[in-house]
Protein backbone atom coordinates (compact mmCIF):
# COMPACT_ATOMS: atom_id res chain seq x y z
CA MET A 1 -7.58 2.31 -22.20
CA ILE A 2 -7.54 6.15 -22.85
CA GLY A 3 -9.07 6.40 -19.26
CA THR A 4 -6.37 4.29 -18.27
CA VAL A 5 -3.67 6.61 -18.99
CA VAL A 6 -6.01 9.84 -17.95
CA SER A 7 -6.28 8.97 -14.69
CA PHE A 8 -2.23 7.35 -14.54
CA VAL A 9 -0.97 10.94 -16.01
CA VAL A 10 -3.42 12.84 -13.32
CA VAL A 11 -2.36 10.59 -10.49
CA LEU A 12 1.42 10.78 -10.99
CA GLY A 13 1.13 14.76 -11.75
CA ILE A 14 -0.51 15.42 -8.43
CA LEU A 15 2.02 13.15 -7.00
CA ILE A 16 5.20 14.84 -9.08
CA LEU A 17 3.54 18.70 -7.88
CA ILE A 18 3.31 18.01 -4.47
CA HIS A 19 6.68 16.43 -4.26
CA GLU A 20 8.30 19.88 -5.76
CA LEU A 21 5.82 21.90 -4.07
CA GLY A 22 7.84 20.69 -1.11
CA HIS A 23 11.35 21.54 -2.09
CA PHE A 24 9.87 24.93 -3.87
CA ILE A 25 7.81 25.98 -0.27
CA VAL A 26 10.89 25.39 1.51
CA ALA A 27 13.59 26.89 -0.60
CA ARG A 28 11.75 29.99 -0.59
CA LEU A 29 11.11 29.93 3.31
CA ALA A 30 14.82 29.37 3.80
CA GLY A 31 15.83 32.63 1.64
CA VAL A 32 17.02 30.30 -1.55
CA GLY A 33 16.36 31.70 -5.30
CA VAL A 34 14.18 28.92 -7.49
CA GLU A 35 15.14 29.85 -10.82
CA ARG A 36 12.80 26.91 -12.63
CA PHE A 37 10.28 24.94 -11.32
CA SER A 38 9.10 21.81 -13.30
CA ILE A 39 6.70 19.61 -13.81
CA GLY A 40 7.92 16.77 -15.74
CA PHE A 41 11.24 16.52 -18.39
CA GLY A 42 11.82 17.07 -21.49
CA PRO A 43 11.00 19.57 -23.77
CA VAL A 44 8.75 22.25 -22.66
CA LEU A 45 4.81 22.18 -23.36
CA ALA A 46 4.11 25.78 -21.42
CA ARG A 47 5.61 28.08 -19.65
CA TRP A 48 5.12 30.96 -17.50
CA ARG A 49 7.56 33.55 -16.28
CA GLY A 50 6.78 34.81 -12.30
CA PRO A 51 8.43 38.02 -10.90
CA GLN A 52 11.24 35.50 -9.65
CA THR A 53 11.01 31.89 -10.90
CA GLU A 54 10.12 30.23 -14.36
CA TYR A 55 7.32 27.80 -14.31
CA CYS A 56 7.49 25.05 -17.24
CA LEU A 57 5.09 21.74 -17.97
CA SER A 58 7.37 19.38 -19.81
CA ALA A 59 7.08 17.02 -22.14
CA ILE A 60 7.46 13.54 -20.21
CA PRO A 61 5.78 13.11 -17.28
CA MET A 62 7.91 10.96 -15.14
CA GLY A 63 8.95 13.54 -12.54
CA GLY A 64 9.62 17.49 -12.17
CA TYR A 65 12.68 19.48 -10.17
CA VAL A 66 13.29 22.82 -8.60
CA LYS A 67 16.57 24.24 -9.81
CA MET A 68 17.98 26.62 -7.27
CA MET A 69 20.29 29.50 -7.33
CA GLY A 70 23.62 28.22 -6.44
CA GLU A 71 23.22 24.58 -5.83
CA GLU A 72 26.50 23.90 -5.97
CA ASN A 73 28.50 27.22 -6.27
CA PRO A 74 26.75 30.33 -4.29
CA LEU A 75 28.15 32.20 -7.76
CA GLU A 76 26.47 30.27 -10.05
CA GLY A 77 23.06 31.14 -11.46
CA GLY A 78 21.13 33.70 -11.19
CA GLY A 79 18.63 33.49 -13.50
CA GLY A 80 15.27 35.97 -12.21
CA GLU A 81 17.24 36.99 -8.84
CA GLY A 82 19.91 39.03 -10.32
CA GLY A 83 23.11 36.45 -9.14
CA ASP A 84 22.62 37.27 -5.52
CA PRO A 85 24.68 35.12 -3.51
CA ALA A 86 23.13 35.62 -0.36
CA LYS A 87 20.03 33.60 -1.85
CA ALA A 88 22.25 30.46 -3.36
CA PHE A 89 21.52 27.27 -1.83
CA ALA A 90 25.33 26.48 -1.24
CA THR A 91 25.18 29.49 1.16
CA LYS A 92 22.49 28.41 3.23
CA PRO A 93 23.07 26.38 6.47
CA LEU A 94 23.43 22.91 6.85
CA TRP A 95 20.39 22.16 8.06
CA ALA A 96 18.30 25.04 6.10
CA ARG A 97 19.73 22.48 2.97
CA PHE A 98 18.51 19.45 4.55
CA LEU A 99 14.98 20.80 5.50
CA ILE A 100 14.69 21.65 1.72
CA VAL A 101 15.64 18.42 0.68
CA PHE A 102 13.59 16.42 3.01
CA ALA A 103 10.50 18.82 2.38
CA GLY A 104 10.18 17.22 -1.02
CA PRO A 105 9.29 13.23 -0.09
CA GLY A 106 7.73 14.70 3.28
CA MET A 107 5.23 16.26 1.25
CA ASN A 108 4.55 13.39 -0.03
CA PHE A 109 3.76 11.50 3.56
CA VAL A 110 1.91 14.78 4.13
CA LEU A 111 -0.30 14.09 1.47
CA ALA A 112 -0.88 10.21 2.31
CA ALA A 113 -2.16 11.72 5.52
CA VAL A 114 -4.63 14.10 3.82
CA ILE A 115 -5.50 11.83 1.67
CA ILE A 116 -6.70 8.92 4.14
CA SER A 117 -7.85 11.36 6.58
CA VAL A 118 -10.23 12.79 4.37
CA LEU A 119 -11.58 8.91 3.12
CA LEU A 120 -12.24 8.38 7.09
CA ALA A 121 -13.72 11.69 7.91
CA LEU A 122 -16.10 11.55 4.74
CA VAL A 123 -16.70 8.03 3.67
CA GLY A 124 -15.18 5.99 6.72
CA ARG A 125 -13.87 2.92 7.84
CA PRO A 126 -15.15 -0.66 6.28
CA VAL A 127 -16.95 -2.52 9.20
CA LEU A 128 -19.00 -5.59 9.55
CA PRO A 129 -21.78 -6.49 11.70
CA ALA A 130 -20.74 -8.73 14.57
CA VAL A 131 -22.43 -12.12 13.56
CA VAL A 132 -20.66 -14.83 13.32
CA GLY A 133 -19.22 -16.27 10.30
CA ARG A 134 -17.20 -19.10 11.03
CA VAL A 135 -16.33 -21.08 14.00
CA ALA A 136 -13.16 -23.11 14.67
CA GLY A 137 -13.51 -26.51 14.48
CA THR A 138 -11.90 -26.85 18.38
CA GLY A 139 -11.21 -24.64 21.06
CA ALA A 140 -13.51 -22.75 23.30
CA ALA A 141 -15.77 -21.02 21.18
CA ALA A 142 -16.95 -24.51 19.63
CA ALA A 143 -17.17 -25.99 23.20
CA ALA A 144 -19.70 -23.07 24.38
CA GLY A 145 -21.76 -23.85 21.37
CA VAL A 146 -21.04 -20.69 19.57
CA ARG A 147 -22.65 -21.31 16.12
CA VAL A 148 -22.54 -19.62 12.73
CA GLY A 149 -25.18 -16.86 12.39
CA ASP A 150 -25.06 -15.78 16.17
CA ALA A 151 -25.03 -12.11 16.82
CA VAL A 152 -22.88 -10.76 19.49
CA THR A 153 -24.04 -8.09 21.46
CA ALA A 154 -21.49 -7.34 24.11
CA ALA A 155 -18.29 -8.48 25.05
CA GLY A 156 -17.50 -8.15 28.84
CA ASP A 157 -19.27 -4.93 30.36
CA ARG A 158 -19.39 -3.07 26.77
CA ALA A 159 -21.81 -3.38 24.11
CA VAL A 160 -21.00 -4.34 20.56
CA THR A 161 -20.91 -2.50 17.11
CA TRP A 162 -19.12 -3.97 15.27
CA TRP A 163 -17.10 -6.97 14.70
CA GLU A 164 -14.25 -4.82 15.48
CA ASP A 165 -15.60 -4.64 18.68
CA VAL A 166 -15.30 -8.08 19.22
CA GLU A 167 -11.67 -7.91 18.18
CA THR A 168 -10.66 -5.06 20.62
CA ALA A 169 -11.91 -7.13 23.21
CA ALA A 170 -9.87 -10.38 22.58
CA ALA A 171 -6.99 -7.99 22.18
CA ALA A 172 -7.80 -6.51 25.63
CA SER A 173 -8.36 -9.58 27.28
CA GLY A 174 -4.73 -11.08 27.57
CA GLY A 175 -5.78 -14.61 27.48
CA ARG A 176 -8.75 -13.68 30.52
CA PRO A 177 -11.81 -15.41 29.78
CA VAL A 178 -14.46 -12.81 28.11
CA ALA A 179 -18.34 -13.08 28.54
CA LEU A 180 -20.00 -13.13 25.05
CA ARG A 181 -23.55 -11.82 24.95
CA LEU A 182 -25.04 -13.65 22.01
CA ARG A 183 -28.60 -13.42 20.17
CA ARG A 184 -29.85 -16.49 18.43
CA ASP A 185 -33.59 -16.88 17.17
CA GLY A 186 -34.41 -13.73 19.21
CA ALA A 187 -33.31 -15.15 22.32
CA GLU A 188 -29.71 -14.23 24.34
CA GLN A 189 -27.07 -16.49 26.00
CA VAL A 190 -23.77 -15.40 27.26
CA VAL A 191 -21.11 -17.85 26.85
CA THR A 192 -17.84 -17.51 28.55
CA ILE A 193 -14.88 -17.70 26.41
CA ALA A 194 -10.98 -17.56 27.33
CA PRO A 195 -9.25 -15.95 24.29
CA ALA A 196 -6.37 -18.44 22.66
CA ARG A 197 -3.24 -17.32 21.14
CA ARG A 198 -3.26 -17.82 17.28
CA VAL A 199 -0.21 -17.16 14.54
CA VAL A 200 -1.72 -14.31 11.63
CA ARG A 201 0.58 -13.79 8.96
CA ASP A 202 0.45 -10.44 7.46
CA VAL A 203 0.71 -9.59 3.52
CA LEU A 204 4.27 -9.91 3.59
CA GLY A 205 4.33 -13.17 4.98
CA ASP A 206 5.46 -12.26 8.42
CA ALA A 207 4.14 -14.08 11.33
CA ARG A 208 2.58 -12.56 14.81
CA GLU A 209 0.57 -13.60 17.38
CA VAL A 210 -2.87 -12.31 18.69
CA TRP A 211 -5.85 -13.20 20.91
CA ASP A 212 -8.50 -14.94 19.26
CA PHE A 213 -11.99 -16.13 20.37
CA GLY A 214 -11.89 -18.57 17.89
CA ILE A 215 -14.77 -17.33 16.00
CA GLU A 216 -14.79 -15.03 12.53
CA PRO A 217 -16.98 -12.55 11.32
CA ARG A 218 -20.13 -13.26 8.59
CA SER A 219 -18.75 -11.33 5.48
CA THR A 220 -18.59 -12.18 1.59
CA PRO A 221 -15.01 -13.35 0.52
CA VAL A 222 -14.01 -11.50 -2.92
CA ILE A 223 -11.03 -12.06 -5.21
CA THR A 224 -8.32 -9.20 -4.77
CA MET A 225 -5.83 -10.39 -7.30
CA VAL A 226 -5.25 -13.22 -9.78
CA ALA A 227 -1.84 -14.57 -10.33
CA LYS A 228 -0.85 -14.93 -14.14
CA ASP A 229 -0.76 -19.00 -14.98
CA SER A 230 -2.25 -19.52 -12.15
CA PRO A 231 -5.21 -22.16 -11.02
CA ALA A 232 -7.58 -19.31 -10.36
CA GLU A 233 -6.60 -17.55 -13.67
CA ARG A 234 -7.36 -21.01 -15.66
CA ALA A 235 -10.69 -21.33 -13.65
CA GLY A 236 -11.68 -17.90 -14.82
CA LEU A 237 -11.79 -15.97 -11.70
CA ARG A 238 -11.44 -12.14 -11.69
CA ALA A 239 -10.31 -9.47 -9.36
CA GLY A 240 -14.10 -8.39 -8.31
CA ASP A 241 -15.32 -12.08 -8.41
CA ALA A 242 -17.56 -12.32 -4.69
CA VAL A 243 -17.48 -15.60 -3.92
CA VAL A 244 -20.78 -16.99 -2.57
CA ALA A 245 -20.80 -20.80 -2.74
CA ILE A 246 -17.87 -23.17 -2.60
CA ALA A 247 -17.87 -27.32 -2.97
CA GLY A 248 -21.80 -26.72 -3.18
CA GLN A 249 -21.99 -25.16 0.47
CA PRO A 250 -22.16 -21.42 1.12
CA VAL A 251 -19.63 -19.20 2.04
CA TYR A 252 -19.50 -17.16 5.12
CA ASN A 253 -16.41 -16.40 5.57
CA PRO A 254 -13.27 -15.63 3.58
CA GLY A 255 -11.08 -18.14 6.15
CA GLU A 256 -13.87 -20.81 5.48
CA MET A 257 -12.99 -20.20 1.86
CA ILE A 258 -9.35 -20.82 2.36
CA GLU A 259 -9.55 -23.56 4.25
CA THR A 260 -11.52 -25.52 1.90
CA ILE A 261 -9.38 -25.44 -0.50
CA ARG A 262 -6.64 -26.04 1.34
CA ALA A 263 -8.28 -29.27 2.06
CA ARG A 264 -8.41 -30.10 -1.24
CA PRO A 265 -5.10 -30.32 -3.36
CA ARG A 266 -5.58 -31.63 -6.73
CA GLN A 267 -9.54 -31.88 -6.61
CA ALA A 268 -11.84 -29.88 -8.72
CA LEU A 269 -14.02 -27.41 -7.07
CA PRO A 270 -16.99 -25.90 -8.08
CA LEU A 271 -17.35 -22.10 -7.39
CA THR A 272 -20.12 -20.33 -7.57
CA VAL A 273 -19.47 -16.11 -7.90
CA GLU A 274 -21.01 -13.00 -8.18
CA ARG A 275 -19.92 -10.84 -11.17
CA GLU A 276 -21.41 -7.99 -12.14
CA GLY A 277 -25.06 -9.07 -10.00
CA ARG A 278 -25.25 -12.25 -12.00
CA PRO A 279 -24.45 -15.89 -10.48
CA LEU A 280 -21.85 -17.97 -12.50
CA THR A 281 -20.33 -20.99 -11.79
CA LEU A 282 -16.75 -22.07 -12.07
CA THR A 283 -14.62 -25.20 -11.33
CA VAL A 284 -10.73 -24.62 -9.82
CA THR A 285 -8.88 -27.32 -9.45
CA PRO A 286 -6.03 -26.11 -6.46
CA ASP A 287 -2.20 -26.63 -7.06
CA ALA A 288 -0.62 -28.97 -4.19
CA VAL A 289 1.89 -27.23 -2.61
CA ALA A 290 4.14 -28.63 0.38
CA GLU A 291 4.34 -27.07 3.56
CA ASP A 292 5.59 -27.50 7.02
CA GLY A 293 2.20 -29.48 9.30
CA PRO A 294 1.83 -29.97 13.41
CA GLY A 295 5.29 -31.84 14.64
CA GLY A 296 7.35 -30.52 11.86
CA GLN A 297 5.38 -33.08 9.14
CA ARG A 298 5.19 -32.24 5.24
CA ARG A 299 2.07 -32.35 4.25
CA GLU A 300 0.39 -31.15 0.72
CA VAL A 301 -2.24 -27.83 0.56
CA GLY A 302 -4.07 -26.42 -1.68
CA ARG A 303 -3.77 -22.94 -3.70
CA ILE A 304 -5.10 -21.28 -6.48
CA GLN A 305 -2.97 -18.12 -6.09
CA ALA A 306 -5.19 -15.43 -5.75
CA GLY A 307 -5.74 -12.70 -3.33
CA ILE A 308 -8.61 -13.36 -1.23
CA ALA A 309 -10.34 -10.51 0.92
CA THR A 310 -13.59 -9.35 2.58
CA ARG A 311 -15.96 -7.19 1.37
CA ALA A 312 -17.05 -4.51 3.33
CA GLU A 313 -21.21 -4.00 3.34
CA ARG A 314 -20.92 -0.96 5.36
CA PHE A 315 -18.64 2.11 6.31
CA GLU A 316 -18.79 4.03 9.16
CA ALA A 317 -17.01 7.53 9.42
CA TYR A 318 -14.68 8.97 12.16
CA ASN A 319 -15.26 12.78 13.47
CA PRO A 320 -12.84 15.13 12.03
CA VAL A 321 -10.68 14.67 15.17
CA VAL A 322 -10.07 10.98 15.13
CA ALA A 323 -9.96 10.77 11.59
CA THR A 324 -6.77 13.05 11.35
CA TRP A 325 -5.00 10.85 13.63
CA GLN A 326 -6.33 7.76 12.38
CA GLY A 327 -4.85 9.13 9.22
CA THR A 328 -1.72 9.73 10.58
CA VAL A 329 -1.57 6.11 12.59
CA ARG A 330 -2.17 4.40 8.58
CA THR A 331 0.02 6.62 7.00
CA TRP A 332 2.73 5.43 9.45
CA ASP A 333 1.73 1.59 9.24
CA MET A 334 2.21 1.66 5.37
CA THR A 335 5.47 3.46 5.68
CA VAL A 336 6.48 0.41 7.61
CA LEU A 337 5.43 -1.88 5.35
CA THR A 338 6.73 -0.33 2.27
CA VAL A 339 10.18 0.32 3.97
CA ARG A 340 10.02 -3.69 5.22
CA SER A 341 9.39 -4.52 1.21
CA PHE A 342 12.13 -2.89 0.17
CA TRP A 343 14.03 -4.72 3.09
CA LYS A 344 12.71 -7.92 2.12
CA LEU A 345 13.38 -7.32 -1.83
CA VAL A 346 17.09 -6.35 -1.33
CA SER A 347 18.02 -9.42 0.89
CA ARG A 348 16.35 -11.71 -1.65
CA GLN A 349 13.36 -12.73 0.65
CA ILE A 350 11.02 -11.75 -1.81
CA SER A 351 11.31 -12.10 -5.42
CA SER A 352 12.64 -9.29 -7.43
CA ASP A 353 9.62 -10.40 -10.07
CA ASN A 354 7.33 -8.12 -7.91
CA ILE A 355 9.14 -5.33 -8.61
CA GLY A 356 6.52 -3.07 -11.18
CA GLY A 357 7.24 -0.07 -13.42
CA PRO A 358 4.87 2.31 -14.87
CA ILE A 359 2.77 -0.09 -17.23
CA GLN A 360 1.43 -2.17 -13.99
CA ILE A 361 1.13 1.03 -11.81
CA ALA A 362 -1.13 2.39 -14.44
CA ALA A 363 -2.90 -0.49 -15.04
CA GLU A 364 -3.61 -0.32 -11.55
CA VAL A 365 -4.67 2.97 -11.56
CA GLY A 366 -7.23 2.30 -14.07
CA ARG A 367 -8.40 -0.23 -12.62
CA GLN A 368 -9.03 1.48 -9.06
CA ALA A 369 -10.05 4.35 -11.14
CA ARG A 370 -12.83 1.83 -12.58
CA GLU A 371 -13.56 1.14 -8.84
CA GLY A 372 -14.61 4.71 -7.78
CA LEU A 373 -12.64 7.97 -6.87
CA ALA A 374 -12.72 6.49 -2.97
CA SER A 375 -10.55 3.41 -4.43
CA LEU A 376 -8.34 5.39 -6.73
CA ALA A 377 -7.71 8.05 -3.52
CA VAL A 378 -6.33 5.30 -1.25
CA LEU A 379 -4.36 3.91 -4.13
CA THR A 380 -2.58 7.61 -4.71
CA ALA A 381 -1.91 7.50 -0.72
CA PHE A 382 0.05 4.37 -0.77
CA ILE A 383 1.72 5.72 -4.35
CA SER A 384 2.66 9.04 -2.26
CA VAL A 385 4.16 6.90 0.61
CA ASN A 386 6.46 4.43 -1.60
CA LEU A 387 7.29 7.56 -3.67
CA ALA A 388 8.71 9.21 -0.38
CA VAL A 389 10.02 6.29 1.00
CA LEU A 390 12.10 5.61 -2.38
CA ASN A 391 13.39 8.95 -2.67
CA LEU A 392 14.87 9.00 0.73
CA LEU A 393 17.24 5.98 -0.11
CA PRO A 394 20.94 6.73 0.08
CA VAL A 395 21.47 6.59 -3.58
CA PRO A 396 22.98 9.52 -5.48
CA MET A 397 20.36 11.30 -7.83
CA LEU A 398 18.05 10.72 -5.05
CA ASP A 399 16.57 12.94 -2.63
CA GLY A 400 18.23 10.26 0.12
CA GLY A 401 21.59 10.45 -1.85
CA HIS A 402 21.79 14.20 -0.90
CA LEU A 403 20.87 13.88 2.28
CA LEU A 404 23.45 11.52 2.94
CA PHE A 405 26.15 13.94 1.36
CA PHE A 406 24.72 16.50 4.26
CA VAL A 407 24.95 13.79 7.06
CA ILE A 408 28.85 12.99 5.85
CA GLU A 409 29.18 16.84 5.34
CA GLY A 410 27.63 17.25 9.20
CA VAL A 411 30.44 14.69 10.49
CA LEU A 412 33.26 16.34 8.83
CA GLY A 413 32.71 19.46 9.13
CA ARG A 414 33.01 19.94 5.08
CA PRO A 415 31.06 19.18 2.27
CA LEU A 416 32.65 16.53 -0.20
CA SER A 417 34.36 17.78 -3.08
CA VAL A 418 32.50 18.60 -6.58
CA ARG A 419 34.44 15.82 -7.84
CA LYS A 420 33.40 12.94 -5.78
CA ARG A 421 29.66 13.94 -5.60
CA GLU A 422 30.01 14.15 -9.23
CA MET A 423 31.22 10.81 -9.56
CA ALA A 424 28.67 8.99 -6.93
CA GLN A 425 26.01 11.10 -9.24
CA GLN A 426 26.98 8.78 -12.24
CA VAL A 427 26.88 5.49 -10.13
CA GLY A 428 23.33 6.44 -8.54
CA PHE A 429 22.56 7.22 -12.53
CA VAL A 430 23.26 3.84 -13.68
CA LEU A 431 21.80 2.19 -10.80
CA LEU A 432 18.44 4.03 -11.44
CA MET A 433 18.11 3.23 -15.27
CA MET A 434 18.91 -0.65 -14.59
CA LEU A 435 16.49 -0.49 -11.71
CA MET A 436 14.03 1.27 -14.37
CA VAL A 437 14.62 -1.14 -17.45
CA PHE A 438 14.62 -3.73 -15.06
CA ALA A 439 10.80 -2.97 -13.94
CA LEU A 440 9.88 -2.23 -17.38
CA TYR A 441 11.30 -5.52 -18.25
CA ASN A 442 8.84 -7.24 -15.42
CA ASP A 443 5.86 -5.27 -16.71
CA LEU A 444 6.39 -6.31 -20.18
CA VAL A 445 6.39 -10.32 -19.07
CA ARG A 446 3.20 -9.49 -17.20
CA ILE A 447 1.33 -8.48 -20.01
CA GLY A 448 3.32 -11.32 -22.79
CA ALA A 449 4.52 -8.04 -24.71
CA LEU A 450 7.89 -10.30 -24.76
CA LYS A 451 6.40 -12.89 -26.80
CA LEU A 452 6.49 -10.94 -29.69
CA PHE A 453 10.13 -10.82 -29.62
CA GLY A 454 10.52 -14.24 -29.13
CA GLY A 455 11.12 -13.79 -25.46
């Protein structure tokens, strides 16, 4: 518990510090006087007064602020800057004010990219050996005689080192046949397979088509998440369990495990998992869920409501240049995913029950901290991107609301009146408070705390 709280405060503190530093640094570069730089809100725990700015650490670590001279009126404030109107925020050009406000969330994007780049350079990306763990029952691979356990050594004229090389060859084929060199029992053979189109779904459930050989890598399925009151929870499964067998048969691939579960709704399935280095046998009974089958016919499939992913057996580091590029690309991908998630929440395509508050974030931070520094760093990058996107929403009280005011000012040629901005800020404050209360309510529901009050 103490470790979770400490980890949460440290992660949150870093995110807030970087965010406010963005505002602070660009403000100073633009010649704006900064009266106070605060990490946290409420009563001041510690303060230090510099030549121009007062630096504070406050009691409530749920945000921070940079108080700039003359934010509304160039004659307001003055503090450590002697009241010089030339150093007032309100007197600066529109582009400078826009950059000062954008710099906060901008620095959160930068932080995420730096974290991911450093991890890719020092720790590396997870890779899987190019060994077949599953062959689709129908398709070119099965027809060509590919078997579980075959090692892929080449695709076309390119050598294959990791399974990602196999996926790259399929994606680049455009559906044209590819010669795969396989090693089986010390002997090599060549098979020619034409990739087929396959529909896959991302974490948000959106479908996309990919070229696929009809084979999947050998890897150990790992439980990443267990939903409350789900078949997985009732069976005793936990996040981190590695599944080694299902229904008495060894499991070599997460897809194989998922298909076995889907094929047996309402049937008790024995699962052998590895937990903390020891084998454990559990029994899970998948729920029956109706879905559209081939030809539009409805059918029942099994679900246990648990996240199932691949356990990385090895990591391969990028060189610093490639790591920096990949860190930037993956930060962009996380940003797009976050924006899509917000849109699906607003459009009710995703249940609002998924909105989490500080308790859920703290619990996840604590869990990742126990997994190791690398896991905690990845989560920090993800939260940093979410914080940046949230702050850029066009809601008064957030940075995005101020940026919206600047856009309106650019269109009208004059700023909105102080009265209109104050009214918008009040509306924005109410909306944010409602969101915070709802997120906290969801947190309490998840941990069952409302049962104490008859909820």
